[in-house]
Protein backbone atom coordinates (compact mmCIF):
# COMPACT_ATOMS: atom_id res chain seq x y z
CA MET A 1 0.00 0.00 0.00
CA THR A 2 1.24 3.48 -0.91
CA LYS A 3 0.05 6.74 0.58
CA ILE A 4 1.04 10.41 0.45
CA ILE A 5 0.70 12.34 3.69
CA THR A 6 0.57 16.11 3.35
CA ILE A 7 1.67 18.59 5.97
CA ARG A 8 -2.00 19.21 6.76
CA ASP A 9 -2.25 15.76 8.34
CA ARG A 10 -0.13 16.15 11.44
CA ALA A 11 -1.57 13.13 13.27
CA GLU A 12 -0.76 10.62 10.53
CA TRP A 13 2.69 12.07 9.86
CA THR A 14 3.50 11.87 13.57
CA TYR A 15 2.12 8.33 13.77
CA TYR A 16 4.78 7.04 11.37
CA VAL A 17 7.63 9.01 12.94
CA ARG A 18 6.79 7.70 16.40
CA ARG A 19 6.69 4.12 15.10
CA ALA A 20 10.10 4.46 13.45
CA ALA A 21 13.00 2.48 14.89
CA GLU A 22 15.33 5.39 14.06
CA PHE A 23 14.42 9.05 13.64
CA ASP A 24 15.57 12.56 14.45
CA CYS A 25 14.07 16.04 14.69
CA TYR A 26 14.41 16.49 10.92
CA HIS A 27 11.80 13.80 10.29
CA THR A 28 9.11 15.30 12.50
CA TRP A 29 5.94 16.98 11.33
CA HIS A 30 6.81 20.16 13.19
CA TYR A 31 10.25 20.61 11.67
CA ASN A 32 8.96 19.89 8.17
CA SER A 33 6.07 22.33 8.70
CA LEU A 34 8.66 25.13 8.91
CA GLU A 35 9.78 24.53 5.33
CA LYS A 36 8.80 27.34 2.93
CA SER A 37 10.65 26.39 -0.27
CA GLY A 38 7.96 23.91 -1.34
CA ASP A 39 5.22 21.58 -0.11
CA PRO A 40 6.29 19.08 2.57
CA ILE A 41 4.93 15.59 2.03
CA MET A 42 5.65 12.11 3.35
CA PHE A 43 5.74 9.15 0.97
CA VAL A 44 4.77 5.93 2.77
CA TYR A 45 5.00 2.38 1.52
CA GLN A 46 3.36 -0.11 3.88
CA GLN A 47 3.39 -3.90 3.76
CA HIS A 48 1.32 -5.43 6.56
CA ASP A 49 2.83 -4.02 9.79
CA ASP A 50 6.08 -2.89 8.16
CA PHE A 51 6.60 0.47 6.47
CA ILE A 52 9.20 2.72 4.89
CA ALA A 53 8.44 6.46 4.94
CA VAL A 54 10.33 9.39 3.42
CA PRO A 55 9.75 13.05 4.34
CA LEU A 56 10.13 15.15 1.19
CA VAL A 57 9.60 18.67 -0.11
CA ALA A 58 7.89 18.94 -3.49
CA ARG A 59 8.81 21.94 -5.68
CA PRO A 60 7.58 22.90 -9.14
CA VAL A 61 10.23 23.33 -11.83
CA PRO A 62 9.43 26.85 -13.07
CA GLY A 63 8.05 27.10 -16.58
CA THR A 64 7.34 23.37 -16.91
CA ILE A 65 4.74 20.76 -16.02
CA TYR A 66 7.38 18.99 -13.91
CA SER A 67 8.44 19.07 -10.27
CA ASP A 68 11.29 17.75 -8.18
CA LEU A 69 11.74 16.52 -4.63
CA THR A 70 14.20 17.68 -2.00
CA CYS A 71 14.38 17.66 1.81
CA VAL A 72 14.42 20.07 4.71
CA TYR A 73 17.60 21.78 5.95
CA GLY A 74 19.34 19.11 8.01
CA PHE A 75 19.63 15.33 7.87
CA SER A 76 16.50 13.39 6.98
CA GLY A 77 16.12 10.46 4.57
CA PRO A 78 13.91 7.37 4.91
CA ILE A 79 12.66 5.92 8.18
CA SER A 80 11.05 2.58 9.00
CA ASN A 81 9.71 0.54 11.88
CA ARG A 82 12.82 -1.56 11.27
CA LYS A 83 16.39 -0.28 11.48
CA MET A 84 17.78 0.63 8.08
CA ASP A 85 20.39 -2.14 8.16
CA GLU A 86 17.73 -4.71 9.12
CA LEU A 87 15.19 -4.11 6.35
CA ASP A 88 13.59 -7.16 4.79
CA GLU A 89 14.74 -7.54 1.18
CA HIS A 90 11.22 -7.96 -0.12
CA LEU A 91 10.07 -4.81 1.71
CA ALA A 92 13.01 -2.80 0.35
CA ASP A 93 12.48 -3.99 -3.23
CA SER A 94 8.74 -3.34 -3.03
CA PHE A 95 9.40 0.17 -1.72
CA LYS A 96 11.69 0.83 -4.69
CA SER A 97 9.05 -0.28 -7.18
CA ALA A 98 6.30 1.76 -5.51
CA PHE A 99 8.43 4.90 -5.26
CA MET A 100 9.54 4.75 -8.88
CA ILE A 101 5.92 4.43 -10.01
CA TYR A 102 5.04 7.46 -7.88
CA LEU A 103 7.87 9.52 -9.38
CA GLN A 104 6.74 8.69 -12.89
CA GLU A 105 3.03 9.28 -12.31
CA GLU A 106 3.62 12.66 -10.63
CA ASN A 107 6.13 13.97 -13.21
CA TYR A 108 9.09 14.29 -10.85
CA VAL A 109 12.42 14.93 -12.54
CA SER A 110 14.80 14.33 -9.65
CA VAL A 111 15.13 13.63 -5.92
CA PHE A 112 17.72 15.08 -3.54
CA LEU A 113 18.09 13.93 0.07
CA ARG A 114 20.69 14.61 2.73
CA LEU A 115 20.96 11.25 4.46
CA HIS A 116 21.25 10.97 8.21
CA PRO A 117 24.83 9.97 9.11
CA PHE A 118 23.64 7.93 12.12
CA PHE A 119 21.30 5.67 10.12
CA LYS A 120 22.36 3.32 7.31
CA GLN A 121 19.85 4.68 4.79
CA GLY A 122 22.27 4.25 1.91
CA ASN A 123 21.69 0.49 2.05
CA LEU A 124 18.11 1.06 0.88
CA LEU A 125 18.72 3.84 -1.63
CA GLU A 126 21.65 2.18 -3.37
CA ARG A 127 19.00 -0.01 -5.01
CA PHE A 128 18.12 3.06 -7.09
CA GLY A 129 21.66 4.36 -7.60
CA GLY A 130 22.69 7.94 -7.02
CA VAL A 131 24.07 7.65 -3.46
CA HIS A 132 27.08 9.97 -3.12
CA ASP A 133 29.73 10.26 -0.43
CA ASN A 134 29.84 13.88 0.69
CA GLY A 135 32.45 13.99 3.41
CA ARG A 136 32.00 13.43 7.12
CA VAL A 137 30.50 14.80 10.29
CA VAL A 138 32.12 15.02 13.70
CA VAL A 139 30.32 13.23 16.53
CA LEU A 140 30.91 13.37 20.27
CA ASP A 141 30.12 10.02 21.91
CA LEU A 142 28.39 10.76 25.20
CA SER A 143 28.64 7.13 26.32
CA LEU A 144 32.27 7.94 27.15
CA SER A 145 33.00 9.46 30.51
CA LEU A 146 33.50 13.20 30.55
CA GLU A 147 37.14 12.61 31.44
CA GLU A 148 37.61 10.33 28.41
CA GLN A 149 35.89 12.87 26.18
CA ARG A 150 38.15 15.69 27.32
CA GLN A 151 41.26 13.58 26.79
CA ARG A 152 40.34 13.54 23.10
CA TYR A 153 40.32 17.34 22.89
CA SER A 154 43.35 18.93 21.31
CA PRO A 155 45.69 20.67 23.78
CA ALA A 156 44.56 24.03 22.37
CA VAL A 157 40.88 23.25 23.00
CA ARG A 158 41.56 22.15 26.57
CA ALA A 159 43.52 25.34 27.17
CA GLN A 160 40.79 27.57 25.68
CA ILE A 161 38.07 25.91 27.76
CA ARG A 162 40.18 26.28 30.89
CA LYS A 163 40.76 29.98 30.13
CA ALA A 164 37.02 30.50 29.58
CA ARG A 165 36.26 29.03 33.00
CA ASN A 166 39.01 31.05 34.65
CA ARG A 167 37.62 34.19 33.04
CA GLY A 168 34.26 33.41 34.61
CA PHE A 169 32.26 32.51 31.48
CA THR A 170 28.97 30.77 32.24
CA VAL A 171 26.34 29.01 30.12
CA LYS A 172 22.67 29.51 30.87
CA GLU A 173 19.61 27.96 29.31
CA GLU A 174 17.30 30.86 28.57
CA LYS A 175 13.59 30.50 27.93
CA GLY A 176 10.79 32.44 26.32
CA PRO A 177 10.49 34.96 23.47
CA GLU A 178 13.13 37.32 24.90
CA ALA A 179 15.69 34.50 24.94
CA ILE A 180 14.97 33.71 21.30
CA ASP A 181 15.31 37.36 20.31
CA LEU A 182 18.63 37.54 22.14
CA PHE A 183 19.92 34.52 20.25
CA ILE A 184 18.65 35.91 16.94
CA SER A 185 20.70 39.07 17.47
CA ILE A 186 23.87 37.02 18.06
CA TYR A 187 23.18 34.65 15.17
CA MET A 188 22.39 37.40 12.67
CA GLU A 189 25.52 39.32 13.61
CA THR A 190 27.51 36.16 12.94
CA MET A 191 25.86 35.51 9.58
CA GLN A 192 26.54 39.07 8.47
CA ARG A 193 30.17 38.74 9.54
CA VAL A 194 30.71 35.55 7.52
CA ASP A 195 28.81 36.99 4.54
CA ALA A 196 26.13 34.29 4.57
CA SER A 197 23.57 34.10 1.79
CA GLU A 198 19.88 34.74 2.39
CA TYR A 199 19.42 30.96 2.62
CA TYR A 200 20.85 31.12 6.17
CA LEU A 201 19.09 34.34 7.20
CA PHE A 202 15.95 32.82 8.65
CA ASN A 203 13.10 35.14 9.57
CA HIS A 204 12.14 35.73 13.20
CA GLU A 205 9.10 33.48 12.89
CA TYR A 206 11.32 30.51 12.05
CA PHE A 207 13.33 30.79 15.29
CA HIS A 208 10.24 31.17 17.45
CA GLU A 209 8.42 28.27 15.79
CA LEU A 210 11.51 26.06 16.00
CA TYR A 211 11.59 26.67 19.75
CA GLU A 212 7.93 25.86 20.32
CA SER A 213 7.88 22.25 19.12
CA ASP A 214 6.54 19.47 21.32
CA GLU A 215 8.07 16.79 19.04
CA TYR A 216 11.70 17.57 19.91
CA ASP A 217 13.33 19.62 22.65
CA THR A 218 14.79 22.88 21.35
CA ARG A 219 16.95 24.80 23.82
CA VAL A 220 18.47 28.26 23.71
CA LEU A 221 21.84 28.37 25.44
CA ILE A 222 23.72 31.62 25.95
CA VAL A 223 27.33 32.09 27.01
CA TYR A 224 27.82 35.04 29.36
CA ASP A 225 30.86 37.03 30.36
CA GLY A 226 29.43 38.37 33.59
CA ASP A 227 26.12 39.86 32.48
CA GLU A 228 27.21 40.25 28.87
CA PRO A 229 25.80 37.69 26.35
CA ILE A 230 28.69 36.79 24.05
CA ALA A 231 27.68 33.60 22.19
CA GLY A 232 24.75 31.27 21.86
CA THR A 233 23.17 28.29 20.20
CA MET A 234 19.83 26.70 19.42
CA ILE A 235 20.17 22.95 19.81
CA MET A 236 17.67 20.11 19.46
CA PHE A 237 17.46 17.04 21.67
CA THR A 238 15.68 14.13 19.93
CA ASN A 239 15.73 10.39 20.45
CA GLY A 240 19.19 10.33 22.06
CA ILE A 241 20.78 12.78 19.59
CA ILE A 242 21.82 16.40 20.13
CA GLN A 243 21.93 18.42 16.92
CA ALA A 244 24.00 21.62 17.07
CA HIS A 245 21.57 23.41 14.76
CA LEU A 246 22.45 27.12 14.87
CA VAL A 247 25.30 28.94 16.60
CA GLY A 248 26.81 32.42 16.80
CA THR A 249 29.43 34.53 18.59
CA ARG A 250 29.84 38.28 19.10
CA ARG A 251 32.75 39.58 17.05
CA GLU A 252 34.68 41.07 19.98
CA TYR A 253 34.70 37.71 21.78
CA LEU A 254 35.92 35.49 18.93
CA LYS A 255 39.45 35.52 20.36
CA TYR A 256 38.17 33.74 23.48
CA SER A 257 36.50 30.88 21.51
CA PRO A 258 33.39 30.79 23.73
CA THR A 259 31.70 28.22 21.49
CA LYS A 260 34.34 25.65 22.46
CA PHE A 261 33.44 26.21 26.08
CA LEU A 262 29.79 25.97 25.05
CA VAL A 263 30.27 22.58 23.36
CA ASP A 264 31.87 21.17 26.50
CA GLU A 265 28.96 22.41 28.62
CA ILE A 266 26.35 20.98 26.21
CA THR A 267 27.89 17.51 26.46
CA GLN A 268 27.49 17.63 30.24
CA MET A 269 23.87 18.66 29.85
CA GLY A 270 23.35 15.86 27.33
CA ARG A 271 24.70 13.23 29.68
CA ARG A 272 22.38 14.39 32.45
CA ASP A 273 19.43 14.10 30.06
CA GLY A 274 20.32 10.66 28.71
CA MET A 275 21.56 11.71 25.27
CA ARG A 276 23.93 9.36 23.44
CA TYR A 277 25.53 11.60 20.83
CA MET A 278 26.19 15.22 19.95
CA ASN A 279 26.49 15.84 16.21
CA LEU A 280 28.78 18.78 15.53
CA GLY A 281 28.26 18.48 11.77
CA GLY A 282 30.90 18.82 9.08
CA GLY A 283 32.73 21.46 7.10
CA LEU A 284 31.23 24.08 4.83
CA SER A 285 29.30 22.07 2.23
CA PHE A 286 30.86 19.09 4.06
CA LYS A 287 34.32 19.80 2.64
CA GLU A 288 37.66 19.18 4.38
CA ASP A 289 38.06 22.80 5.42
CA SER A 290 38.90 24.95 8.43
CA LEU A 291 35.40 24.55 9.88
CA LEU A 292 35.79 20.77 9.89
CA GLN A 293 39.24 21.11 11.48
CA TRP A 294 37.67 23.27 14.20
CA LYS A 295 35.25 20.45 14.98
CA LEU A 296 37.93 17.75 14.75
CA SER A 297 39.79 19.55 17.53
CA PHE A 298 37.24 17.96 19.90
CA THR A 299 37.48 14.38 18.64
CA ASP A 300 38.57 12.30 15.68
CA ASN A 301 35.29 10.35 15.83
CA THR A 302 33.54 10.90 12.50
CA LEU A 303 30.72 9.38 10.46
CA GLY A 304 30.35 9.44 6.70
CA PHE A 305 27.79 11.84 5.27
CA LYS A 306 25.95 10.82 2.10
CA THR A 307 23.43 12.41 -0.22
CA TRP A 308 20.98 10.77 -2.57
CA ARG A 309 20.92 12.37 -6.02
CA TYR A 310 18.48 10.45 -8.15
CA ILE A 311 17.48 11.40 -11.67
CA ALA A 312 13.96 10.08 -12.16
CA ASN A 313 13.47 11.39 -15.70
CA ALA A 314 16.78 11.55 -17.53
CA PRO A 315 15.50 13.04 -20.84
CA VAL A 316 13.74 15.92 -19.07
CA TYR A 317 16.71 16.46 -16.73
CA GLN A 318 19.00 16.80 -19.77
CA LEU A 319 16.52 19.11 -21.50
CA LEU A 320 16.47 21.42 -18.47
CA LEU A 321 20.27 21.53 -18.48
CA ASN A 322 20.32 22.32 -22.18
CA GLU A 323 17.81 25.13 -21.74
CA LYS A 324 20.10 26.77 -19.16
CA GLY A 325 23.28 26.06 -21.10
CA ILE A 326 24.72 23.94 -18.30
CA ASP A 327 27.22 21.18 -19.10
CA GLU A 328 26.26 18.02 -17.22
CA ASN A 329 29.97 17.22 -16.80
CA THR A 330 30.79 20.46 -15.01
CA GLY A 331 32.79 20.03 -11.83
CA VAL A 332 30.21 21.86 -9.72
CA ASP A 333 29.05 19.80 -6.75
CA PHE A 334 25.35 20.65 -6.86
CA PHE A 335 22.12 18.76 -7.46
CA PRO A 336 19.87 19.05 -9.30
CA LEU A 337 22.21 20.90 -11.61
CA TYR A 338 19.41 22.73 -13.42
CA ARG A 339 18.87 24.71 -10.17
CA TYR A 340 22.55 25.68 -10.07
CA ALA A 341 21.87 29.44 -10.00
CA GLN A 342 20.20 29.01 -6.58
CA ILE A 343 23.29 27.71 -4.75
CA PRO A 344 23.45 29.08 -1.16
CA GLN A 345 26.79 30.62 -0.18
CA LEU A 346 28.42 30.84 3.25
CA THR A 347 32.00 32.06 3.49
CA ASN A 348 34.55 32.32 6.34
CA SER A 349 32.30 30.10 8.39
CA HIS A 350 35.12 28.86 10.65
CA SER A 351 34.70 32.02 12.75
CA LEU A 352 31.47 31.15 14.55
């Protein structure tokens, strides 16, 4: 059985997420409801009591009768009542057949998904082809003792955290609309400093709605130097995973690296609340860059990050490239390539 759940049906969307053996905040109805670039939907294939579901965002291809599918900002990909590396072969093959029929019937040209590095979703999607290695993310393992975790820090990180404590820096969880507005001011200052594109300049409503979810636990943490707020983050706690979603630092305090102190404090909070991992993410566009090196200064524990780039209608995909004068063999790492002009940019992002 195949069904399409729209964002208007919160109860049914949530039903499948809660039944999933593995999921994160990026799969939830609430997080997907924040998406404005297209229409969030969930494709579900069900076989008796087993299911595979994929949160997606449907977007029209301008000037055509076609559309394509993408995902929300973050790590999503398919979920199931079984773990991804324990899927029944018949269920996986039947899902592939059903999804391909859906793509054809609905005139979809392509599908792009950022796969969740903690779940082995590539095992399922490799049946279609189009699974790409896109670098790695840095993960702090909270099953280690705090002492073991800190031993993995680079000497420079340990020294910077020690200096932050000696200087009297503190981390406070702030609540309510005023806390969100305070974080927004720090975050926006950071994005302006690193010359971020509009893609990263979320409106005020986004921050407030992100905070108000009852499907995952969003927290606003602020680093203070005395009474002065100097850095902050919005993080999400979901199903044993902490996602470092948004972060920022006041320019005049960059030299003190308060976000390193903040990471150390978050891991202590996570342990108290039964979290298993903190995902620090990867480099800019998941490249081996200075941002990734900043994160690797905490640990060398990494997971591979993959994307799914599936061309559902090759003739139309090629036609769209031809219409824009884009060579399909260009070295640009972007998908779908016919949307190349819409690439988000974020520069100098190591200074957060």
